[in-house]
Amino acid sequence: MAGKTNALQKPVQLSSELEAVIGKGPMTRAQVTSKIWEYIKGNSLQDSKDKRQINPDGKLSAVIGKDQISMFKMTAAVSKHLT
């Protein structure tokens, strides 16, 4: 269908906690995912022994919780901050 955007391309609103980490919305879900990874890599938040695990810092813990989280569960945690 021409002109139809999928969920990844539709701009979404971000919670203030998420905006503190990745900047002002609205953004597409694809942009949110990309910016979260930029933040994680830029702040060395991947676990040194298991790169699939994320160790959140103060800002990111407001979005995904304070405990270490797998990158697969992180997407679900972040989606709670999108409207």
PDB file of N, CA and C in Angstrom:
ATOM      1  N   MET A   1       0.842  -1.188   0.000  1.00  0.00           N
ATOM      2  CA  MET A   1       0.000   0.000   0.000  1.00  0.00           C
ATOM      3  C   MET A   1       0.884   1.248   0.000  1.00  0.00           C
ATOM      4  N   ALA A   2       0.714   2.105  -0.954  1.00  0.00           N
ATOM      5  CA  ALA A   2       1.550   3.302  -1.081  1.00  0.00           C
ATOM      6  C   ALA A   2       1.250   4.311   0.025  1.00  0.00           C
ATOM      7  N   GLY A   3       2.296   4.917   0.565  1.00  0.00           N
ATOM      8  CA  GLY A   3       2.132   5.953   1.568  1.00  0.00           C
ATOM      9  C   GLY A   3       1.858   5.439   2.975  1.00  0.00           C
ATOM     10  N   LYS A   4       1.733   4.150   3.132  1.00  0.00           N
ATOM     11  CA  LYS A   4       1.451   3.596   4.465  1.00  0.00           C
ATOM     12  C   LYS A   4       2.776   3.433   5.218  1.00  0.00           C
ATOM     13  N   THR A   5       2.843   3.968   6.432  1.00  0.00           N
ATOM     14  CA  THR A   5       4.073   3.832   7.209  1.00  0.00           C
ATOM     15  C   THR A   5       3.914   2.689   8.197  1.00  0.00           C
ATOM     16  N   ASN A   6       4.987   1.960   8.415  1.00  0.00           N
ATOM     17  CA  ASN A   6       4.916   0.896   9.415  1.00  0.00           C
ATOM     18  C   ASN A   6       5.221   1.474  10.794  1.00  0.00           C
ATOM     19  N   ALA A   7       5.066   0.658  11.814  1.00  0.00           N
ATOM     20  CA  ALA A   7       5.220   1.127  13.198  1.00  0.00           C
ATOM     21  C   ALA A   7       6.603   1.707  13.468  1.00  0.00           C
ATOM     22  N   LEU A   8       7.631   1.165  12.821  1.00  0.00           N
ATOM     23  CA  LEU A   8       8.989   1.662  13.055  1.00  0.00           C
ATOM     24  C   LEU A   8       9.194   3.061  12.483  1.00  0.00           C
ATOM     25  N   GLN A   9       8.407   3.424  11.475  1.00  0.00           N
ATOM     26  CA  GLN A   9       8.593   4.714  10.824  1.00  0.00           C
ATOM     27  C   GLN A   9       7.662   5.793  11.355  1.00  0.00           C
ATOM     28  N   LYS A  10       6.704   5.420  12.197  1.00  0.00           N
ATOM     29  CA  LYS A  10       5.736   6.380  12.719  1.00  0.00           C
ATOM     30  C   LYS A  10       6.344   7.130  13.910  1.00  0.00           C
ATOM     31  N   PRO A  11       6.350   8.463  13.867  1.00  0.00           N
ATOM     32  CA  PRO A  11       6.905   9.205  15.011  1.00  0.00           C
ATOM     33  C   PRO A  11       6.102   8.951  16.282  1.00  0.00           C
ATOM     34  N   VAL A  12       6.814   8.805  17.390  1.00  0.00           N
ATOM     35  CA  VAL A  12       6.182   8.587  18.691  1.00  0.00           C
ATOM     36  C   VAL A  12       6.674   9.653  19.667  1.00  0.00           C
ATOM     37  N   GLN A  13       5.870   9.911  20.691  1.00  0.00           N
ATOM     38  CA  GLN A  13       6.259  10.836  21.750  1.00  0.00           C
ATOM     39  C   GLN A  13       7.101  10.080  22.772  1.00  0.00           C
ATOM     40  N   LEU A  14       8.069  10.767  23.359  1.00  0.00           N
ATOM     41  CA  LEU A  14       8.967  10.154  24.335  1.00  0.00           C
ATOM     42  C   LEU A  14       8.643  10.675  25.736  1.00  0.00           C
ATOM     43  N   SER A  15       8.835   9.826  26.728  1.00  0.00           N
ATOM     44  CA  SER A  15       8.685  10.286  28.112  1.00  0.00           C
ATOM     45  C   SER A  15       9.846  11.230  28.440  1.00  0.00           C
ATOM     46  N   SER A  16       9.676  12.031  29.485  1.00  0.00           N
ATOM     47  CA  SER A  16      10.746  12.965  29.862  1.00  0.00           C
ATOM     48  C   SER A  16      12.010  12.202  30.277  1.00  0.00           C
ATOM     49  N   GLU A  17      11.836  11.016  30.899  1.00  0.00           N
ATOM     50  CA  GLU A  17      13.005  10.203  31.289  1.00  0.00           C
ATOM     51  C   GLU A  17      13.785   9.758  30.055  1.00  0.00           C
ATOM     52  N   LEU A  18      13.059   9.344  29.024  1.00  0.00           N
ATOM     53  CA  LEU A  18      13.730   8.897  27.794  1.00  0.00           C
ATOM     54  C   LEU A  18      14.372  10.082  27.076  1.00  0.00           C
ATOM     55  N   GLU A  19      13.687  11.227  27.061  1.00  0.00           N
ATOM     56  CA  GLU A  19      14.268  12.414  26.421  1.00  0.00           C
ATOM     57  C   GLU A  19      15.568  12.839  27.099  1.00  0.00           C
ATOM     58  N   ALA A  20      15.686  12.620  28.407  1.00  0.00           N
ATOM     59  CA  ALA A  20      16.914  12.963  29.129  1.00  0.00           C
ATOM     60  C   ALA A  20      18.094  12.130  28.630  1.00  0.00           C
ATOM     61  N   VAL A  21      17.798  10.941  28.095  1.00  0.00           N
ATOM     62  CA  VAL A  21      18.856  10.049  27.611  1.00  0.00           C
ATOM     63  C   VAL A  21      19.174  10.308  26.139  1.00  0.00           C
ATOM     64  N   ILE A  22      18.141  10.428  25.295  1.00  0.00           N
ATOM     65  CA  ILE A  22      18.391  10.446  23.840  1.00  0.00           C
ATOM     66  C   ILE A  22      18.003  11.740  23.149  1.00  0.00           C
ATOM     67  N   GLY A  23      17.446  12.708  23.874  1.00  0.00           N
ATOM     68  CA  GLY A  23      17.086  13.977  23.250  1.00  0.00           C
ATOM     69  C   GLY A  23      15.590  14.101  23.005  1.00  0.00           C
ATOM     70  N   LYS A  24      15.186  15.265  22.529  1.00  0.00           N
ATOM     71  CA  LYS A  24      13.769  15.601  22.347  1.00  0.00           C
ATOM     72  C   LYS A  24      13.115  14.787  21.242  1.00  0.00           C
ATOM     73  N   GLY A  25      11.884  14.372  21.503  1.00  0.00           N
ATOM     74  CA  GLY A  25      11.071  13.707  20.496  1.00  0.00           C
ATOM     75  C   GLY A  25      10.257  14.747  19.747  1.00  0.00           C
ATOM     76  N   PRO A  26       9.319  14.354  18.899  1.00  0.00           N
ATOM     77  CA  PRO A  26       9.050  12.955  18.557  1.00  0.00           C
ATOM     78  C   PRO A  26      10.129  12.359  17.654  1.00  0.00           C
ATOM     79  N   MET A  27      10.253  11.047  17.739  1.00  0.00           N
ATOM     80  CA  MET A  27      11.182  10.276  16.899  1.00  0.00           C
ATOM     81  C   MET A  27      10.477   8.995  16.478  1.00  0.00           C
ATOM     82  N   THR A  28      11.016   8.373  15.437  1.00  0.00           N
ATOM     83  CA  THR A  28      10.492   7.059  15.059  1.00  0.00           C
ATOM     84  C   THR A  28      11.077   6.023  16.021  1.00  0.00           C
ATOM     85  N   ARG A  29      10.438   4.859  16.112  1.00  0.00           N
ATOM     86  CA  ARG A  29      10.962   3.788  16.964  1.00  0.00           C
ATOM     87  C   ARG A  29      12.375   3.382  16.517  1.00  0.00           C
ATOM     88  N   ALA A  30      12.604   3.403  15.224  1.00  0.00           N
ATOM     89  CA  ALA A  30      13.938   3.060  14.708  1.00  0.00           C
ATOM     90  C   ALA A  30      14.976   4.069  15.206  1.00  0.00           C
ATOM     91  N   GLN A  31      14.632   5.356  15.203  1.00  0.00           N
ATOM     92  CA  GLN A  31      15.558   6.385  15.701  1.00  0.00           C
ATOM     93  C   GLN A  31      15.798   6.220  17.198  1.00  0.00           C
ATOM     94  N   VAL A  32      14.732   5.898  17.937  1.00  0.00           N
ATOM     95  CA  VAL A  32      14.862   5.700  19.388  1.00  0.00           C
ATOM     96  C   VAL A  32      15.856   4.579  19.662  1.00  0.00           C
ATOM     97  N   THR A  33      15.680   3.441  18.980  1.00  0.00           N
ATOM     98  CA  THR A  33      16.576   2.293  19.162  1.00  0.00           C
ATOM     99  C   THR A  33      18.020   2.671  18.831  1.00  0.00           C
ATOM    100  N   SER A  34      18.198   3.358  17.730  1.00  0.00           N
ATOM    101  CA  SER A  34      19.532   3.779  17.305  1.00  0.00           C
ATOM    102  C   SER A  34      20.181   4.701  18.343  1.00  0.00           C
ATOM    103  N   LYS A  35      19.428   5.666  18.836  1.00  0.00           N
ATOM    104  CA  LYS A  35      19.976   6.631  19.809  1.00  0.00           C
ATOM    105  C   LYS A  35      20.266   5.969  21.158  1.00  0.00           C
ATOM    106  N   ILE A  36      19.418   5.017  21.555  1.00  0.00           N
ATOM    107  CA  ILE A  36      19.681   4.278  22.802  1.00  0.00           C
ATOM    108  C   ILE A  36      21.029   3.556  22.677  1.00  0.00           C
ATOM    109  N   TRP A  37      21.259   2.912  21.530  1.00  0.00           N
ATOM    110  CA  TRP A  37      22.526   2.195  21.334  1.00  0.00           C
ATOM    111  C   TRP A  37      23.713   3.147  21.278  1.00  0.00           C
ATOM    112  N   GLU A  38      23.528   4.316  20.670  1.00  0.00           N
ATOM    113  CA  GLU A  38      24.604   5.326  20.674  1.00  0.00           C
ATOM    114  C   GLU A  38      24.962   5.686  22.118  1.00  0.00           C
ATOM    115  N   TYR A  39      23.932   5.875  22.939  1.00  0.00           N
ATOM    116  CA  TYR A  39      24.136   6.243  24.339  1.00  0.00           C
ATOM    117  C   TYR A  39      24.849   5.118  25.093  1.00  0.00           C
ATOM    118  N   ILE A  40      24.387   3.886  24.898  1.00  0.00           N
ATOM    119  CA  ILE A  40      24.980   2.727  25.583  1.00  0.00           C
ATOM    120  C   ILE A  40      26.457   2.582  25.206  1.00  0.00           C
ATOM    121  N   LYS A  41      26.739   2.674  23.913  1.00  0.00           N
ATOM    122  CA  LYS A  41      28.131   2.508  23.459  1.00  0.00           C
ATOM    123  C   LYS A  41      28.992   3.706  23.859  1.00  0.00           C
ATOM    124  N   GLY A  42      28.420   4.910  23.767  1.00  0.00           N
ATOM    125  CA  GLY A  42      29.153   6.124  24.116  1.00  0.00           C
ATOM    126  C   GLY A  42      29.511   6.204  25.594  1.00  0.00           C
ATOM    127  N   ASN A  43      28.728   5.522  26.425  1.00  0.00           N
ATOM    128  CA  ASN A  43      28.967   5.537  27.866  1.00  0.00           C
ATOM    129  C   ASN A  43      29.466   4.200  28.389  1.00  0.00           C
ATOM    130  N   SER A  44      29.873   3.317  27.480  1.00  0.00           N
ATOM    131  CA  SER A  44      30.428   1.994  27.835  1.00  0.00           C
ATOM    132  C   SER A  44      29.547   1.242  28.829  1.00  0.00           C
ATOM    133  N   LEU A  45      28.256   1.116  28.498  1.00  0.00           N
ATOM    134  CA  LEU A  45      27.310   0.476  29.410  1.00  0.00           C
ATOM    135  C   LEU A  45      27.076  -1.009  29.096  1.00  0.00           C
ATOM    136  N   GLN A  46      27.728  -1.521  28.038  1.00  0.00           N
ATOM    137  CA  GLN A  46      27.620  -2.954  27.778  1.00  0.00           C
ATOM    138  C   GLN A  46      28.533  -3.693  28.746  1.00  0.00           C
ATOM    139  N   ASP A  47      28.060  -4.813  29.243  1.00  0.00           N
ATOM    140  CA  ASP A  47      28.857  -5.614  30.168  1.00  0.00           C
ATOM    141  C   ASP A  47      30.125  -6.084  29.456  1.00  0.00           C
ATOM    142  N   SER A  48      31.264  -6.013  30.123  1.00  0.00           N
ATOM    143  CA  SER A  48      32.529  -6.363  29.473  1.00  0.00           C
ATOM    144  C   SER A  48      32.627  -7.858  29.157  1.00  0.00           C
ATOM    145  N   LYS A  49      31.985  -8.693  29.966  1.00  0.00           N
ATOM    146  CA  LYS A  49      32.050 -10.146  29.734  1.00  0.00           C
ATOM    147  C   LYS A  49      30.965 -10.640  28.793  1.00  0.00           C
ATOM    148  N   ASP A  50      29.806 -10.007  28.820  1.00  0.00           N
ATOM    149  CA  ASP A  50      28.676 -10.425  27.981  1.00  0.00           C
ATOM    150  C   ASP A  50      28.047  -9.181  27.366  1.00  0.00           C
ATOM    151  N   LYS A  51      28.386  -8.916  26.115  1.00  0.00           N
ATOM    152  CA  LYS A  51      27.962  -7.681  25.439  1.00  0.00           C
ATOM    153  C   LYS A  51      26.444  -7.592  25.271  1.00  0.00           C
ATOM    154  N   ARG A  52      25.732  -8.707  25.472  1.00  0.00           N
ATOM    155  CA  ARG A  52      24.269  -8.678  25.356  1.00  0.00           C
ATOM    156  C   ARG A  52      23.620  -8.077  26.594  1.00  0.00           C
ATOM    157  N   GLN A  53      24.398  -7.908  27.661  1.00  0.00           N
ATOM    158  CA  GLN A  53      23.884  -7.348  28.910  1.00  0.00           C
ATOM    159  C   GLN A  53      24.221  -5.855  28.995  1.00  0.00           C
ATOM    160  N   ILE A  54      23.240  -5.082  29.447  1.00  0.00           N
ATOM    161  CA  ILE A  54      23.410  -3.639  29.583  1.00  0.00           C
ATOM    162  C   ILE A  54      23.428  -3.297  31.075  1.00  0.00           C
ATOM    163  N   ASN A  55      24.418  -2.514  31.492  1.00  0.00           N
ATOM    164  CA  ASN A  55      24.527  -2.042  32.872  1.00  0.00           C
ATOM    165  C   ASN A  55      24.123  -0.568  32.883  1.00  0.00           C
ATOM    166  N   PRO A  56      22.874  -0.254  33.249  1.00  0.00           N
ATOM    167  CA  PRO A  56      22.410   1.131  33.133  1.00  0.00           C
ATOM    168  C   PRO A  56      23.111   2.082  34.103  1.00  0.00           C
ATOM    169  N   ASP A  57      23.356   3.305  33.619  1.00  0.00           N
ATOM    170  CA  ASP A  57      23.861   4.355  34.503  1.00  0.00           C
ATOM    171  C   ASP A  57      22.651   5.096  35.081  1.00  0.00           C
ATOM    172  N   GLY A  58      22.877   6.179  35.796  1.00  0.00           N
ATOM    173  CA  GLY A  58      21.793   6.906  36.443  1.00  0.00           C
ATOM    174  C   GLY A  58      20.678   7.337  35.502  1.00  0.00           C
ATOM    175  N   LYS A  59      21.055   7.925  34.357  1.00  0.00           N
ATOM    176  CA  LYS A  59      20.050   8.400  33.400  1.00  0.00           C
ATOM    177  C   LYS A  59      19.265   7.250  32.786  1.00  0.00           C
ATOM    178  N   LEU A  60      19.980   6.222  32.348  1.00  0.00           N
ATOM    179  CA  LEU A  60      19.322   5.111  31.658  1.00  0.00           C
ATOM    180  C   LEU A  60      18.485   4.279  32.622  1.00  0.00           C
ATOM    181  N   SER A  61      18.877   4.221  33.895  1.00  0.00           N
ATOM    182  CA  SER A  61      18.119   3.423  34.860  1.00  0.00           C
ATOM    183  C   SER A  61      16.714   3.995  35.076  1.00  0.00           C
ATOM    184  N   ALA A  62      16.527   5.292  34.810  1.00  0.00           N
ATOM    185  CA  ALA A  62      15.192   5.889  34.917  1.00  0.00           C
ATOM    186  C   ALA A  62      14.257   5.341  33.838  1.00  0.00           C
ATOM    187  N   VAL A  63      14.850   4.815  32.768  1.00  0.00           N
ATOM    188  CA  VAL A  63      14.068   4.269  31.656  1.00  0.00           C
ATOM    189  C   VAL A  63      13.926   2.751  31.754  1.00  0.00           C
ATOM    190  N   ILE A  64      15.020   2.048  32.024  1.00  0.00           N
ATOM    191  CA  ILE A  64      14.971   0.577  31.955  1.00  0.00           C
ATOM    192  C   ILE A  64      15.116  -0.113  33.304  1.00  0.00           C
ATOM    193  N   GLY A  65      15.220   0.652  34.378  1.00  0.00           N
ATOM    194  CA  GLY A  65      15.388   0.049  35.698  1.00  0.00           C
ATOM    195  C   GLY A  65      16.852   0.035  36.100  1.00  0.00           C
ATOM    196  N   LYS A  66      17.098  -0.192  37.380  1.00  0.00           N
ATOM    197  CA  LYS A  66      18.458  -0.092  37.905  1.00  0.00           C
ATOM    198  C   LYS A  66      19.291  -1.352  37.705  1.00  0.00           C
ATOM    199  N   ASP A  67      18.629  -2.487  37.462  1.00  0.00           N
ATOM    200  CA  ASP A  67      19.361  -3.748  37.346  1.00  0.00           C
ATOM    201  C   ASP A  67      19.867  -3.967  35.932  1.00  0.00           C
ATOM    202  N   GLN A  68      20.901  -4.790  35.834  1.00  0.00           N
ATOM    203  CA  GLN A  68      21.410  -5.188  34.526  1.00  0.00           C
ATOM    204  C   GLN A  68      20.255  -5.811  33.741  1.00  0.00           C
ATOM    205  N   ILE A  69      20.205  -5.535  32.443  1.00  0.00           N
ATOM    206  CA  ILE A  69      19.113  -6.024  31.604  1.00  0.00           C
ATOM    207  C   ILE A  69      19.677  -6.536  30.293  1.00  0.00           C
ATOM    208  N   SER A  70      19.065  -7.579  29.736  1.00  0.00           N
ATOM    209  CA  SER A  70      19.546  -8.067  28.440  1.00  0.00           C
ATOM    210  C   SER A  70      19.047  -7.124  27.350  1.00  0.00           C
ATOM    211  N   MET A  71      19.796  -7.046  26.257  1.00  0.00           N
ATOM    212  CA  MET A  71      19.403  -6.134  25.187  1.00  0.00           C
ATOM    213  C   MET A  71      18.062  -6.540  24.592  1.00  0.00           C
ATOM    214  N   PHE A  72      17.679  -7.800  24.754  1.00  0.00           N
ATOM    215  CA  PHE A  72      16.403  -8.260  24.208  1.00  0.00           C
ATOM    216  C   PHE A  72      15.229  -7.762  25.055  1.00  0.00           C
ATOM    217  N   LYS A  73      15.422  -7.659  26.360  1.00  0.00           N
ATOM    218  CA  LYS A  73      14.364  -7.158  27.249  1.00  0.00           C
ATOM    219  C   LYS A  73      14.346  -5.634  27.283  1.00  0.00           C
ATOM    220  N   MET A  74      15.451  -5.018  26.915  1.00  0.00           N
ATOM    221  CA  MET A  74      15.544  -3.566  26.959  1.00  0.00           C
ATOM    222  C   MET A  74      14.522  -2.908  26.028  1.00  0.00           C
ATOM    223  N   THR A  75      14.295  -3.477  24.861  1.00  0.00           N
ATOM    224  CA  THR A  75      13.350  -2.905  23.901  1.00  0.00           C
ATOM    225  C   THR A  75      11.958  -2.793  24.514  1.00  0.00           C
ATOM    226  N   ALA A  76      11.525  -3.829  25.225  1.00  0.00           N
ATOM    227  CA  ALA A  76      10.213  -3.800  25.878  1.00  0.00           C
ATOM    228  C   ALA A  76      10.180  -2.730  26.962  1.00  0.00           C
ATOM    229  N   ALA A  77      11.275  -2.593  27.723  1.00  0.00           N
ATOM    230  CA  ALA A  77      11.336  -1.585  28.776  1.00  0.00           C
ATOM    231  C   ALA A  77      11.256  -0.176  28.192  1.00  0.00           C
ATOM    232  N   VAL A  78      11.964   0.042  27.091  1.00  0.00           N
ATOM    233  CA  VAL A  78      11.977   1.360  26.447  1.00  0.00           C
ATOM    234  C   VAL A  78      10.603   1.670  25.853  1.00  0.00           C
ATOM    235  N   SER A  79       9.910   0.662  25.315  1.00  0.00           N
ATOM    236  CA  SER A  79       8.621   0.913  24.658  1.00  0.00           C
ATOM    237  C   SER A  79       7.573   1.465  25.622  1.00  0.00           C
ATOM    238  N   LYS A  80       7.754   1.220  26.922  1.00  0.00           N
ATOM    239  CA  LYS A  80       6.827   1.773  27.916  1.00  0.00           C
ATOM    240  C   LYS A  80       6.950   3.301  28.008  1.00  0.00           C
ATOM    241  N   HIS A  81       8.021   3.839  27.445  1.00  0.00           N
ATOM    242  CA  HIS A  81       8.264   5.293  27.478  1.00  0.00           C
ATOM    243  C   HIS A  81       7.876   5.962  26.169  1.00  0.00           C
ATOM    244  N   LEU A  82       7.190   5.243  25.292  1.00  0.00           N
ATOM    245  CA  LEU A  82       6.764   5.775  24.002  1.00  0.00           C
ATOM    246  C   LEU A  82       5.245   5.855  23.956  1.00  0.00           C
ATOM    247  N   THR A  83       4.723   6.941  23.389  1.00  0.00           N
ATOM    248  CA  THR A  83       3.274   7.038  23.212  1.00  0.00           C
ATOM    249  C   THR A  83       2.945   7.520  21.807  1.00  0.00           C
TER     250      THR A  83
END
